[in-house]
N, C-alpha and C. Protein backbone atom coordinates (compact mmCIF):
# COMPACT_ATOMS: atom_id res chain seq x y z
N MET A 1 -31.11 16.64 27.26
CA MET A 1 -30.21 15.60 26.75
C MET A 1 -30.28 14.33 27.59
N LYS A 2 -30.40 14.49 28.92
CA LYS A 2 -30.51 13.32 29.78
C LYS A 2 -31.79 12.55 29.49
N LEU A 3 -32.87 13.28 29.20
CA LEU A 3 -34.13 12.63 28.86
C LEU A 3 -33.99 11.83 27.57
N LEU A 4 -33.29 12.42 26.59
CA LEU A 4 -33.07 11.73 25.32
C LEU A 4 -32.23 10.48 25.53
N ASP A 5 -31.18 10.59 26.35
CA ASP A 5 -30.34 9.43 26.64
C ASP A 5 -31.15 8.32 27.29
N ALA A 6 -32.00 8.71 28.22
CA ALA A 6 -32.82 7.72 28.92
C ALA A 6 -33.78 7.03 27.95
N LEU A 7 -34.35 7.79 27.02
CA LEU A 7 -35.26 7.23 26.03
C LEU A 7 -34.54 6.27 25.10
N LEU A 8 -33.34 6.66 24.67
CA LEU A 8 -32.55 5.79 23.80
C LEU A 8 -32.17 4.49 24.51
N ASP A 9 -31.83 4.62 25.80
CA ASP A 9 -31.49 3.42 26.56
C ASP A 9 -32.69 2.49 26.71
N LEU A 10 -33.87 3.08 26.79
CA LEU A 10 -35.08 2.27 26.90
C LEU A 10 -35.35 1.54 25.60
N LEU A 11 -35.19 2.25 24.48
CA LEU A 11 -35.45 1.66 23.17
C LEU A 11 -34.32 0.73 22.72
N TYR A 12 -33.09 1.13 23.00
CA TYR A 12 -31.91 0.37 22.59
C TYR A 12 -30.99 0.22 23.80
N PRO A 13 -31.29 -0.72 24.69
CA PRO A 13 -30.49 -0.87 25.91
C PRO A 13 -29.01 -1.12 25.58
N PRO A 14 -28.10 -0.42 26.25
CA PRO A 14 -26.68 -0.62 25.98
C PRO A 14 -26.26 -2.04 26.31
N ARG A 15 -25.44 -2.62 25.46
CA ARG A 15 -24.98 -3.99 25.66
C ARG A 15 -23.46 -4.05 25.69
N CYS A 16 -22.97 -5.02 26.39
CA CYS A 16 -21.52 -5.23 26.46
C CYS A 16 -20.98 -5.54 25.06
N THR A 17 -19.87 -4.94 24.71
CA THR A 17 -19.25 -5.15 23.40
C THR A 17 -18.90 -6.60 23.16
N PHE A 18 -18.60 -7.34 24.22
CA PHE A 18 -18.11 -8.71 24.05
C PHE A 18 -19.19 -9.77 24.29
N CYS A 19 -19.78 -9.82 25.46
CA CYS A 19 -20.78 -10.86 25.72
C CYS A 19 -22.16 -10.48 25.20
N HIS A 20 -22.36 -9.22 24.86
CA HIS A 20 -23.60 -8.70 24.27
C HIS A 20 -24.80 -8.74 25.23
N ARG A 21 -24.52 -8.91 26.51
CA ARG A 21 -25.59 -8.83 27.50
C ARG A 21 -25.86 -7.36 27.83
N MET A 22 -27.08 -7.10 28.27
CA MET A 22 -27.43 -5.72 28.61
C MET A 22 -26.60 -5.23 29.80
N LEU A 23 -26.16 -3.98 29.70
CA LEU A 23 -25.38 -3.37 30.77
C LEU A 23 -26.32 -2.74 31.78
N ARG A 24 -26.04 -2.99 33.03
CA ARG A 24 -26.93 -2.49 34.08
C ARG A 24 -26.36 -1.30 34.83
N ASN A 25 -25.06 -1.13 34.78
CA ASN A 25 -24.42 -0.06 35.56
C ASN A 25 -23.82 1.00 34.64
N GLY A 26 -24.62 2.00 34.32
CA GLY A 26 -24.10 3.09 33.50
C GLY A 26 -23.90 2.70 32.06
N HIS A 27 -22.98 3.42 31.40
CA HIS A 27 -22.81 3.28 29.96
C HIS A 27 -21.45 2.69 29.59
N ALA A 28 -20.80 2.01 30.53
CA ALA A 28 -19.51 1.40 30.21
C ALA A 28 -19.71 0.43 29.05
N PRO A 29 -18.83 0.45 28.05
CA PRO A 29 -19.04 -0.40 26.87
C PRO A 29 -18.71 -1.87 27.09
N VAL A 30 -18.06 -2.18 28.22
CA VAL A 30 -17.69 -3.57 28.51
C VAL A 30 -18.10 -3.87 29.95
N CYS A 31 -18.79 -4.98 30.15
CA CYS A 31 -19.25 -5.32 31.50
C CYS A 31 -18.07 -5.75 32.38
N GLU A 32 -18.27 -5.69 33.68
CA GLU A 32 -17.21 -6.01 34.63
C GLU A 32 -16.76 -7.46 34.49
N LYS A 33 -17.71 -8.35 34.23
CA LYS A 33 -17.37 -9.77 34.07
C LYS A 33 -16.40 -9.97 32.91
N CYS A 34 -16.69 -9.33 31.78
CA CYS A 34 -15.81 -9.48 30.61
C CYS A 34 -14.45 -8.84 30.86
N LEU A 35 -14.44 -7.69 31.51
CA LEU A 35 -13.16 -7.04 31.79
C LEU A 35 -12.23 -7.96 32.56
N LEU A 36 -12.80 -8.78 33.43
CA LEU A 36 -11.99 -9.70 34.23
C LEU A 36 -11.67 -10.99 33.47
N ALA A 37 -12.60 -11.43 32.61
CA ALA A 37 -12.49 -12.77 32.03
C ALA A 37 -12.05 -12.82 30.57
N LEU A 38 -11.88 -11.68 29.92
CA LEU A 38 -11.48 -11.70 28.52
C LEU A 38 -10.16 -12.44 28.34
N PRO A 39 -9.96 -13.11 27.18
CA PRO A 39 -8.72 -13.84 26.94
C PRO A 39 -7.58 -12.91 26.53
N TYR A 40 -7.02 -12.22 27.50
CA TYR A 40 -5.91 -11.29 27.24
C TYR A 40 -4.66 -12.07 26.82
N THR A 41 -3.92 -11.52 25.89
CA THR A 41 -2.69 -12.18 25.44
C THR A 41 -1.54 -12.00 26.43
N GLY A 42 -1.55 -10.91 27.19
CA GLY A 42 -0.50 -10.68 28.18
C GLY A 42 0.89 -10.72 27.57
N PRO A 43 1.80 -11.55 28.11
CA PRO A 43 3.16 -11.62 27.57
C PRO A 43 3.24 -12.22 26.17
N LEU A 44 2.13 -12.80 25.70
CA LEU A 44 2.10 -13.37 24.34
C LEU A 44 1.55 -12.38 23.31
N ALA A 45 1.43 -11.11 23.72
CA ALA A 45 0.89 -10.09 22.81
C ALA A 45 1.78 -9.86 21.60
N ARG A 46 3.08 -10.12 21.74
CA ARG A 46 4.03 -9.83 20.66
C ARG A 46 4.38 -11.09 19.88
N ARG A 47 4.25 -10.99 18.54
CA ARG A 47 4.70 -12.05 17.65
C ARG A 47 5.78 -11.48 16.74
N GLU A 48 6.90 -12.15 16.66
CA GLU A 48 8.05 -11.60 15.94
C GLU A 48 8.30 -12.27 14.60
N LYS A 49 7.87 -13.48 14.42
CA LYS A 49 8.27 -14.25 13.23
C LYS A 49 7.25 -14.16 12.11
N ILE A 50 6.92 -12.93 11.71
CA ILE A 50 6.09 -12.70 10.53
C ILE A 50 6.94 -11.89 9.55
N ALA A 51 7.17 -12.43 8.39
CA ALA A 51 8.07 -11.81 7.42
C ALA A 51 7.67 -10.37 7.12
N HIS A 52 8.70 -9.52 6.98
CA HIS A 52 8.57 -8.10 6.59
C HIS A 52 8.04 -7.21 7.71
N LEU A 53 7.63 -7.79 8.84
CA LEU A 53 7.17 -7.00 9.98
C LEU A 53 8.25 -6.96 11.05
N ASP A 54 8.40 -5.81 11.69
CA ASP A 54 9.29 -5.74 12.84
C ASP A 54 8.72 -6.56 13.99
N ALA A 55 7.42 -6.48 14.16
CA ALA A 55 6.70 -7.28 15.15
C ALA A 55 5.21 -7.11 14.90
N CYS A 56 4.43 -7.98 15.52
CA CYS A 56 2.97 -7.90 15.42
C CYS A 56 2.40 -8.08 16.83
N TYR A 57 1.42 -7.25 17.17
CA TYR A 57 0.86 -7.27 18.52
C TYR A 57 -0.67 -7.42 18.45
N ALA A 58 -1.22 -7.99 19.52
CA ALA A 58 -2.67 -8.04 19.69
C ALA A 58 -2.97 -8.18 21.18
N PRO A 59 -3.90 -7.40 21.70
CA PRO A 59 -4.20 -7.47 23.13
C PRO A 59 -5.06 -8.66 23.55
N LEU A 60 -5.77 -9.29 22.59
CA LEU A 60 -6.72 -10.35 22.92
C LEU A 60 -6.53 -11.56 22.01
N PHE A 61 -6.93 -12.72 22.52
CA PHE A 61 -6.96 -13.91 21.68
C PHE A 61 -8.31 -13.99 20.96
N TYR A 62 -8.29 -14.49 19.75
CA TYR A 62 -9.49 -14.59 18.92
C TYR A 62 -10.24 -15.87 19.27
N GLU A 63 -11.05 -15.80 20.33
CA GLU A 63 -11.81 -16.96 20.76
C GLU A 63 -13.04 -16.52 21.54
N LYS A 64 -14.02 -17.40 21.61
CA LYS A 64 -15.24 -17.22 22.40
C LYS A 64 -15.89 -15.85 22.16
N ASP A 65 -16.15 -15.09 23.24
CA ASP A 65 -16.88 -13.82 23.10
C ASP A 65 -16.13 -12.80 22.26
N VAL A 66 -14.80 -12.85 22.27
CA VAL A 66 -14.01 -11.92 21.44
C VAL A 66 -14.29 -12.21 19.97
N ARG A 67 -14.30 -13.47 19.62
CA ARG A 67 -14.59 -13.86 18.23
C ARG A 67 -15.98 -13.40 17.82
N GLU A 68 -16.99 -13.67 18.64
CA GLU A 68 -18.36 -13.29 18.31
C GLU A 68 -18.50 -11.78 18.21
N SER A 69 -17.82 -11.05 19.08
CA SER A 69 -17.85 -9.60 19.04
C SER A 69 -17.26 -9.06 17.74
N LEU A 70 -16.12 -9.59 17.34
CA LEU A 70 -15.48 -9.13 16.11
C LEU A 70 -16.31 -9.48 14.88
N LEU A 71 -17.01 -10.60 14.92
CA LEU A 71 -17.89 -10.95 13.80
C LEU A 71 -19.06 -9.96 13.69
N ARG A 72 -19.59 -9.54 14.84
CA ARG A 72 -20.66 -8.52 14.81
C ARG A 72 -20.13 -7.20 14.27
N PHE A 73 -18.93 -6.85 14.67
CA PHE A 73 -18.28 -5.61 14.20
C PHE A 73 -18.05 -5.67 12.69
N LYS A 74 -17.62 -6.80 12.23
CA LYS A 74 -17.20 -6.94 10.83
C LYS A 74 -18.37 -7.10 9.87
N PHE A 75 -19.42 -7.81 10.30
CA PHE A 75 -20.48 -8.17 9.37
C PHE A 75 -21.86 -7.62 9.72
N ASP A 76 -22.07 -7.18 10.96
CA ASP A 76 -23.40 -6.74 11.38
C ASP A 76 -23.53 -5.23 11.56
N GLY A 77 -22.53 -4.49 11.13
CA GLY A 77 -22.65 -3.03 11.15
C GLY A 77 -22.47 -2.38 12.50
N LEU A 78 -21.93 -3.09 13.49
CA LEU A 78 -21.75 -2.49 14.81
C LEU A 78 -20.43 -1.73 14.86
N THR A 79 -20.38 -0.66 14.09
CA THR A 79 -19.14 0.10 13.92
C THR A 79 -18.70 0.83 15.18
N GLY A 80 -19.64 1.05 16.12
CA GLY A 80 -19.27 1.70 17.37
C GLY A 80 -18.29 0.89 18.19
N TYR A 81 -18.15 -0.39 17.90
CA TYR A 81 -17.17 -1.22 18.61
C TYR A 81 -15.74 -0.74 18.37
N ALA A 82 -15.51 -0.05 17.27
CA ALA A 82 -14.14 0.35 16.92
C ALA A 82 -13.48 1.15 18.04
N GLY A 83 -14.23 2.06 18.65
CA GLY A 83 -13.68 2.86 19.73
C GLY A 83 -13.33 2.03 20.94
N VAL A 84 -14.14 1.01 21.23
CA VAL A 84 -13.87 0.12 22.37
C VAL A 84 -12.60 -0.68 22.11
N TYR A 85 -12.52 -1.28 20.92
CA TYR A 85 -11.33 -2.06 20.57
C TYR A 85 -10.07 -1.20 20.61
N ALA A 86 -10.19 0.03 20.13
CA ALA A 86 -9.03 0.92 20.08
C ALA A 86 -8.46 1.15 21.48
N GLY A 87 -9.35 1.18 22.48
CA GLY A 87 -8.86 1.34 23.85
C GLY A 87 -7.97 0.19 24.28
N PHE A 88 -8.36 -1.04 23.94
CA PHE A 88 -7.55 -2.21 24.26
C PHE A 88 -6.24 -2.19 23.47
N MET A 89 -6.32 -1.80 22.21
CA MET A 89 -5.12 -1.75 21.36
C MET A 89 -4.14 -0.69 21.87
N LEU A 90 -4.67 0.46 22.28
CA LEU A 90 -3.81 1.53 22.76
C LEU A 90 -3.09 1.11 24.04
N LYS A 91 -3.77 0.41 24.91
CA LYS A 91 -3.12 -0.10 26.13
C LYS A 91 -1.98 -1.04 25.77
N CYS A 92 -2.21 -1.89 24.77
CA CYS A 92 -1.17 -2.81 24.31
C CYS A 92 0.01 -2.05 23.72
N ILE A 93 -0.28 -1.00 22.96
CA ILE A 93 0.76 -0.16 22.37
C ILE A 93 1.61 0.48 23.47
N ASP A 94 0.96 1.03 24.47
CA ASP A 94 1.67 1.68 25.56
C ASP A 94 2.50 0.68 26.36
N GLU A 95 1.93 -0.46 26.67
CA GLU A 95 2.62 -1.46 27.49
C GLU A 95 3.84 -2.03 26.79
N ASN A 96 3.81 -2.06 25.46
CA ASN A 96 4.93 -2.65 24.70
C ASN A 96 5.87 -1.61 24.10
N GLY A 97 5.63 -0.33 24.39
CA GLY A 97 6.53 0.72 23.92
C GLY A 97 6.61 0.81 22.41
N ILE A 98 5.49 0.59 21.74
CA ILE A 98 5.49 0.65 20.27
C ILE A 98 5.62 2.09 19.81
N SER A 99 6.55 2.31 18.87
CA SER A 99 6.80 3.67 18.37
C SER A 99 6.55 3.71 16.86
N CYS A 100 5.88 4.78 16.42
CA CYS A 100 5.61 4.95 14.99
C CYS A 100 5.33 6.42 14.72
N ASP A 101 5.31 6.80 13.45
CA ASP A 101 4.98 8.19 13.12
C ASP A 101 3.80 8.29 12.14
N SER A 102 3.29 7.15 11.67
CA SER A 102 2.16 7.14 10.75
C SER A 102 1.35 5.86 10.96
N ILE A 103 0.06 5.95 10.66
CA ILE A 103 -0.82 4.80 10.81
C ILE A 103 -1.47 4.46 9.47
N ALA A 104 -1.46 3.18 9.14
CA ALA A 104 -2.11 2.69 7.92
C ALA A 104 -2.97 1.48 8.31
N TRP A 105 -3.69 0.94 7.35
CA TRP A 105 -4.54 -0.22 7.65
C TRP A 105 -4.55 -1.19 6.49
N VAL A 106 -4.94 -2.41 6.78
CA VAL A 106 -5.11 -3.44 5.75
C VAL A 106 -6.49 -3.23 5.13
N PRO A 107 -6.55 -2.84 3.86
CA PRO A 107 -7.84 -2.45 3.27
C PRO A 107 -8.65 -3.63 2.75
N VAL A 108 -9.96 -3.42 2.70
CA VAL A 108 -10.83 -4.38 2.00
C VAL A 108 -10.90 -3.95 0.53
N SER A 109 -11.43 -4.82 -0.31
CA SER A 109 -11.57 -4.50 -1.73
C SER A 109 -12.70 -3.49 -1.94
N ARG A 110 -12.72 -2.85 -3.11
CA ARG A 110 -13.79 -1.90 -3.42
C ARG A 110 -15.15 -2.59 -3.41
N LYS A 111 -15.19 -3.82 -3.91
CA LYS A 111 -16.46 -4.57 -3.93
C LYS A 111 -16.98 -4.81 -2.52
N LYS A 112 -16.10 -5.21 -1.63
CA LYS A 112 -16.52 -5.48 -0.25
C LYS A 112 -16.89 -4.19 0.46
N LEU A 113 -16.18 -3.11 0.16
CA LEU A 113 -16.49 -1.82 0.77
C LEU A 113 -17.89 -1.36 0.35
N ARG A 114 -18.24 -1.57 -0.92
CA ARG A 114 -19.57 -1.18 -1.39
C ARG A 114 -20.66 -2.00 -0.71
N SER A 115 -20.44 -3.29 -0.58
CA SER A 115 -21.48 -4.15 -0.01
C SER A 115 -21.60 -3.98 1.50
N ARG A 116 -20.47 -3.78 2.19
CA ARG A 116 -20.50 -3.67 3.65
C ARG A 116 -20.76 -2.25 4.10
N GLY A 117 -20.27 -1.29 3.32
CA GLY A 117 -20.48 0.12 3.66
C GLY A 117 -19.38 0.72 4.49
N TYR A 118 -18.43 -0.06 4.94
CA TYR A 118 -17.31 0.45 5.74
C TYR A 118 -16.17 -0.54 5.71
N ASP A 119 -14.99 -0.03 6.03
CA ASP A 119 -13.78 -0.85 6.13
C ASP A 119 -13.44 -0.94 7.62
N GLN A 120 -13.58 -2.10 8.20
CA GLN A 120 -13.43 -2.24 9.65
C GLN A 120 -12.02 -1.89 10.13
N ALA A 121 -11.00 -2.23 9.36
CA ALA A 121 -9.63 -1.91 9.77
C ALA A 121 -9.38 -0.40 9.69
N GLN A 122 -9.98 0.25 8.71
CA GLN A 122 -9.85 1.70 8.61
C GLN A 122 -10.47 2.39 9.84
N LEU A 123 -11.63 1.90 10.29
CA LEU A 123 -12.26 2.48 11.47
C LEU A 123 -11.34 2.35 12.68
N LEU A 124 -10.70 1.20 12.84
CA LEU A 124 -9.78 1.00 13.95
C LEU A 124 -8.58 1.93 13.84
N ALA A 125 -8.04 2.05 12.63
CA ALA A 125 -6.87 2.91 12.41
C ALA A 125 -7.21 4.37 12.72
N GLN A 126 -8.37 4.81 12.31
CA GLN A 126 -8.78 6.19 12.56
C GLN A 126 -8.97 6.45 14.06
N GLU A 127 -9.53 5.49 14.77
CA GLU A 127 -9.70 5.64 16.22
C GLU A 127 -8.34 5.73 16.91
N LEU A 128 -7.41 4.90 16.50
CA LEU A 128 -6.07 4.94 17.10
C LEU A 128 -5.36 6.25 16.76
N ALA A 129 -5.52 6.72 15.53
CA ALA A 129 -4.86 7.95 15.11
C ALA A 129 -5.31 9.13 15.96
N VAL A 130 -6.60 9.21 16.25
CA VAL A 130 -7.11 10.30 17.09
C VAL A 130 -6.50 10.23 18.47
N ARG A 131 -6.47 9.03 19.05
CA ARG A 131 -5.94 8.88 20.40
C ARG A 131 -4.44 9.11 20.48
N MET A 132 -3.72 8.78 19.42
CA MET A 132 -2.26 8.89 19.43
C MET A 132 -1.76 10.20 18.83
N GLY A 133 -2.67 10.96 18.22
CA GLY A 133 -2.27 12.22 17.62
C GLY A 133 -1.36 12.05 16.41
N LEU A 134 -1.64 11.01 15.62
CA LEU A 134 -0.80 10.70 14.46
C LEU A 134 -1.63 10.72 13.18
N PRO A 135 -0.99 10.95 12.03
CA PRO A 135 -1.74 10.91 10.76
C PRO A 135 -2.12 9.49 10.39
N CYS A 136 -3.33 9.34 9.85
CA CYS A 136 -3.82 8.06 9.37
C CYS A 136 -3.98 8.19 7.86
N ARG A 137 -3.18 7.45 7.10
CA ARG A 137 -3.14 7.64 5.65
C ARG A 137 -3.50 6.36 4.91
N LYS A 138 -4.13 6.53 3.75
CA LYS A 138 -4.46 5.39 2.90
C LYS A 138 -3.22 5.01 2.09
N MET A 139 -2.42 4.11 2.65
CA MET A 139 -1.16 3.74 2.03
C MET A 139 -1.28 2.51 1.14
N LEU A 140 -2.37 1.76 1.30
CA LEU A 140 -2.56 0.51 0.56
C LEU A 140 -3.95 0.46 -0.06
N VAL A 141 -4.05 -0.21 -1.19
CA VAL A 141 -5.35 -0.54 -1.79
C VAL A 141 -5.35 -2.02 -2.11
N LYS A 142 -6.55 -2.60 -2.08
CA LYS A 142 -6.69 -4.01 -2.46
C LYS A 142 -7.25 -4.05 -3.87
N ASN A 143 -6.47 -4.62 -4.77
CA ASN A 143 -6.78 -4.56 -6.20
C ASN A 143 -7.85 -5.56 -6.64
N ARG A 144 -7.97 -6.66 -5.94
CA ARG A 144 -8.91 -7.69 -6.38
C ARG A 144 -9.33 -8.55 -5.20
N GLU A 145 -10.45 -9.24 -5.39
CA GLU A 145 -10.92 -10.19 -4.39
C GLU A 145 -10.04 -11.44 -4.43
N ASN A 146 -9.82 -12.01 -3.28
CA ASN A 146 -9.13 -13.30 -3.21
C ASN A 146 -9.92 -14.23 -2.29
N ARG A 147 -9.53 -15.46 -2.24
CA ARG A 147 -10.24 -16.42 -1.39
C ARG A 147 -10.07 -16.05 0.07
N GLN A 148 -11.03 -16.36 0.87
CA GLN A 148 -10.97 -16.10 2.30
C GLN A 148 -9.83 -16.91 2.92
N GLN A 149 -8.95 -16.23 3.65
CA GLN A 149 -7.76 -16.88 4.18
C GLN A 149 -8.11 -18.05 5.11
N SER A 150 -9.15 -17.90 5.90
CA SER A 150 -9.49 -18.93 6.88
C SER A 150 -9.92 -20.25 6.23
N LEU A 151 -10.25 -20.20 4.93
CA LEU A 151 -10.68 -21.41 4.23
C LEU A 151 -9.49 -22.21 3.68
N LEU A 152 -8.29 -21.64 3.76
CA LEU A 152 -7.12 -22.29 3.19
C LEU A 152 -6.40 -23.12 4.24
N ALA A 153 -5.85 -24.24 3.78
CA ALA A 153 -5.39 -25.27 4.72
C ALA A 153 -4.04 -24.98 5.37
N ASN A 154 -3.13 -24.33 4.65
CA ASN A 154 -1.79 -24.20 5.21
C ASN A 154 -1.18 -22.83 4.89
N ALA A 155 -0.02 -22.56 5.51
CA ALA A 155 0.63 -21.27 5.40
C ALA A 155 1.05 -20.94 3.97
N ALA A 156 1.51 -21.95 3.24
CA ALA A 156 1.95 -21.71 1.86
C ALA A 156 0.78 -21.25 0.99
N GLU A 157 -0.38 -21.87 1.15
CA GLU A 157 -1.56 -21.47 0.38
C GLU A 157 -1.99 -20.06 0.74
N ARG A 158 -1.89 -19.70 2.00
CA ARG A 158 -2.29 -18.37 2.44
C ARG A 158 -1.34 -17.30 1.89
N ARG A 159 -0.06 -17.60 1.87
CA ARG A 159 0.90 -16.64 1.29
C ARG A 159 0.62 -16.45 -0.20
N ALA A 160 0.37 -17.55 -0.91
CA ALA A 160 0.10 -17.46 -2.34
C ALA A 160 -1.21 -16.72 -2.61
N ASN A 161 -2.18 -16.86 -1.72
CA ASN A 161 -3.49 -16.27 -1.91
C ASN A 161 -3.48 -14.74 -1.83
N VAL A 162 -2.50 -14.17 -1.10
CA VAL A 162 -2.45 -12.71 -0.97
C VAL A 162 -1.37 -12.07 -1.86
N LYS A 163 -0.61 -12.87 -2.54
CA LYS A 163 0.47 -12.35 -3.39
C LYS A 163 -0.11 -11.49 -4.52
N GLY A 164 0.34 -10.25 -4.61
CA GLY A 164 -0.09 -9.35 -5.68
C GLY A 164 -1.47 -8.75 -5.49
N VAL A 165 -2.09 -8.97 -4.33
CA VAL A 165 -3.44 -8.47 -4.10
C VAL A 165 -3.44 -6.99 -3.70
N TYR A 166 -2.36 -6.56 -3.05
CA TYR A 166 -2.29 -5.18 -2.53
C TYR A 166 -1.30 -4.33 -3.32
N ASP A 167 -1.55 -3.03 -3.31
CA ASP A 167 -0.68 -2.10 -4.00
C ASP A 167 -0.57 -0.82 -3.18
N CYS A 168 0.48 -0.05 -3.45
CA CYS A 168 0.70 1.23 -2.79
C CYS A 168 0.52 2.34 -3.82
N PRO A 169 -0.62 3.06 -3.80
CA PRO A 169 -0.90 4.04 -4.85
C PRO A 169 -0.11 5.34 -4.73
N SER A 170 0.40 5.66 -3.54
CA SER A 170 1.10 6.93 -3.30
C SER A 170 2.38 6.70 -2.51
N PRO A 171 3.44 6.22 -3.17
CA PRO A 171 4.68 5.91 -2.45
C PRO A 171 5.25 7.09 -1.67
N GLU A 172 4.97 8.30 -2.10
CA GLU A 172 5.55 9.47 -1.44
C GLU A 172 5.09 9.61 0.00
N ILE A 173 3.92 9.06 0.35
CA ILE A 173 3.46 9.18 1.74
C ILE A 173 3.96 8.03 2.61
N VAL A 174 4.64 7.09 1.98
CA VAL A 174 5.19 5.92 2.68
C VAL A 174 6.68 6.08 2.96
N GLN A 175 7.38 6.72 2.04
CA GLN A 175 8.84 6.81 2.11
C GLN A 175 9.32 7.46 3.40
N GLY A 176 10.26 6.76 4.05
CA GLY A 176 10.88 7.27 5.26
C GLY A 176 10.03 7.19 6.51
N LYS A 177 8.90 6.48 6.47
CA LYS A 177 7.98 6.44 7.60
C LYS A 177 8.16 5.18 8.45
N HIS A 178 7.87 5.34 9.73
CA HIS A 178 7.77 4.22 10.67
C HIS A 178 6.27 3.98 10.86
N ILE A 179 5.77 2.90 10.28
CA ILE A 179 4.33 2.72 10.11
C ILE A 179 3.76 1.71 11.10
N LEU A 180 2.62 2.07 11.68
CA LEU A 180 1.81 1.13 12.46
C LEU A 180 0.70 0.65 11.53
N LEU A 181 0.71 -0.62 11.21
CA LEU A 181 -0.25 -1.23 10.28
C LEU A 181 -1.35 -1.92 11.09
N VAL A 182 -2.60 -1.53 10.84
CA VAL A 182 -3.72 -1.95 11.68
C VAL A 182 -4.62 -2.94 10.94
N ASP A 183 -5.04 -3.98 11.66
CA ASP A 183 -6.04 -4.91 11.15
C ASP A 183 -6.92 -5.35 12.32
N ASP A 184 -8.01 -6.05 12.02
CA ASP A 184 -8.89 -6.49 13.10
C ASP A 184 -8.44 -7.81 13.71
N ILE A 185 -8.04 -8.77 12.88
CA ILE A 185 -7.68 -10.11 13.35
C ILE A 185 -6.41 -10.56 12.65
N VAL A 186 -5.53 -11.23 13.38
CA VAL A 186 -4.36 -11.84 12.75
C VAL A 186 -4.37 -13.33 13.08
N THR A 187 -4.26 -14.14 12.02
CA THR A 187 -4.19 -15.59 12.21
C THR A 187 -2.79 -16.07 11.82
N SER A 188 -2.58 -16.45 10.58
CA SER A 188 -1.24 -16.88 10.16
C SER A 188 -0.29 -15.69 9.97
N GLY A 189 -0.85 -14.51 9.73
CA GLY A 189 -0.02 -13.33 9.49
C GLY A 189 0.33 -13.12 8.03
N ALA A 190 -0.20 -13.96 7.13
CA ALA A 190 0.16 -13.86 5.71
C ALA A 190 -0.28 -12.54 5.09
N THR A 191 -1.48 -12.08 5.43
CA THR A 191 -1.99 -10.82 4.88
C THR A 191 -1.16 -9.64 5.37
N LEU A 192 -0.90 -9.59 6.66
CA LEU A 192 -0.08 -8.51 7.21
C LEU A 192 1.32 -8.53 6.61
N SER A 193 1.86 -9.72 6.43
CA SER A 193 3.20 -9.85 5.85
C SER A 193 3.25 -9.27 4.44
N GLU A 194 2.25 -9.60 3.62
CA GLU A 194 2.22 -9.09 2.24
C GLU A 194 2.06 -7.57 2.22
N CYS A 195 1.20 -7.05 3.09
CA CYS A 195 1.02 -5.59 3.16
C CYS A 195 2.31 -4.91 3.60
N ALA A 196 2.99 -5.49 4.58
CA ALA A 196 4.26 -4.93 5.04
C ALA A 196 5.32 -4.98 3.95
N ARG A 197 5.31 -6.05 3.17
CA ARG A 197 6.27 -6.16 2.06
C ARG A 197 6.09 -5.03 1.07
N ILE A 198 4.84 -4.74 0.73
CA ILE A 198 4.55 -3.66 -0.21
C ILE A 198 4.98 -2.31 0.37
N LEU A 199 4.71 -2.09 1.63
CA LEU A 199 5.09 -0.82 2.27
C LEU A 199 6.61 -0.66 2.29
N ARG A 200 7.33 -1.71 2.64
CA ARG A 200 8.79 -1.63 2.66
C ARG A 200 9.35 -1.44 1.24
N GLN A 201 8.74 -2.11 0.28
CA GLN A 201 9.16 -1.99 -1.11
C GLN A 201 9.01 -0.54 -1.60
N ASN A 202 8.08 0.18 -0.98
CA ASN A 202 7.82 1.57 -1.37
C ASN A 202 8.44 2.58 -0.42
N GLY A 203 9.39 2.13 0.40
CA GLY A 203 10.21 3.06 1.16
C GLY A 203 9.97 3.18 2.64
N ALA A 204 9.08 2.38 3.21
CA ALA A 204 8.87 2.44 4.66
C ALA A 204 10.12 2.00 5.39
N LEU A 205 10.49 2.70 6.45
CA LEU A 205 11.67 2.34 7.24
C LEU A 205 11.38 1.20 8.19
N SER A 206 10.17 1.15 8.72
CA SER A 206 9.77 0.04 9.59
C SER A 206 8.27 -0.12 9.51
N VAL A 207 7.81 -1.35 9.75
CA VAL A 207 6.38 -1.65 9.77
C VAL A 207 6.10 -2.56 10.97
N THR A 208 5.31 -2.05 11.88
CA THR A 208 4.85 -2.83 13.03
C THR A 208 3.34 -2.96 12.91
N ALA A 209 2.83 -4.14 13.20
CA ALA A 209 1.39 -4.38 13.04
C ALA A 209 0.72 -4.52 14.41
N ILE A 210 -0.55 -4.12 14.43
CA ILE A 210 -1.38 -4.38 15.61
C ILE A 210 -2.77 -4.75 15.16
N ALA A 211 -3.35 -5.73 15.85
CA ALA A 211 -4.73 -6.15 15.59
C ALA A 211 -5.48 -6.20 16.92
N VAL A 212 -6.77 -6.31 16.84
CA VAL A 212 -7.57 -6.45 18.06
C VAL A 212 -7.30 -7.80 18.70
N ALA A 213 -7.24 -8.82 17.88
CA ALA A 213 -7.11 -10.19 18.41
C ALA A 213 -6.27 -11.05 17.48
N CYS A 214 -5.69 -12.09 18.05
CA CYS A 214 -4.89 -13.03 17.25
C CYS A 214 -5.29 -14.45 17.63
N ALA A 215 -5.09 -15.36 16.70
CA ALA A 215 -5.35 -16.78 16.94
C ALA A 215 -4.21 -17.35 17.78
N LYS A 216 -4.55 -18.19 18.73
CA LYS A 216 -3.52 -18.80 19.58
C LYS A 216 -2.55 -19.65 18.80
N ASP A 217 -3.08 -20.40 17.85
CA ASP A 217 -2.24 -21.35 17.11
C ASP A 217 -1.75 -20.81 15.78
N GLY A 218 -2.08 -19.52 15.49
CA GLY A 218 -1.63 -18.92 14.24
C GLY A 218 -2.34 -19.45 13.02
N LYS A 219 -3.57 -20.00 13.20
CA LYS A 219 -4.31 -20.58 12.08
C LYS A 219 -5.69 -19.95 11.99
């Protein structure tokens, strides 16, 4: 097995999840430089003013190497990043005393799932569920494609763009639950807000969101 590992490292040298430089010391998924220099949110990890959510958390700001890393995860098939991100998210969960009994995620549309081959938020939710020992359930579906949120100019347009896009196919698994809602990136919070609204409408007692990263300015 060690010989196989050495051969794989020769053919596919391990790279840092964030800066994407080759790792020289063992198989740590994040280099020491990034561990020290990443844009941690720290005391700004919690955002409270997103409608229908009890709170929203993210361990990192969506900028520089974090942004490039998430784009590789989302569009280039680097699904192994999910486990690395989950470690940062779990630390944020522990530090902020987040409590829940079920985990859900913000889903992509069926069309996007077919073309991409995976749902990045689902991968994150599943990684967290394993680490936290909680059920991860498909509580939401995305009924149709909508315009990309980042292309819209203001908060009102973003709220309108996600209205009616999501549905809850199985209300019985939502009722009476304290839900941790997972996504990869939070900007204005409009998508998370709409998903939380649907979950509450279908009987969720509380909905707290967590993402890998958030925009500093909420845009």
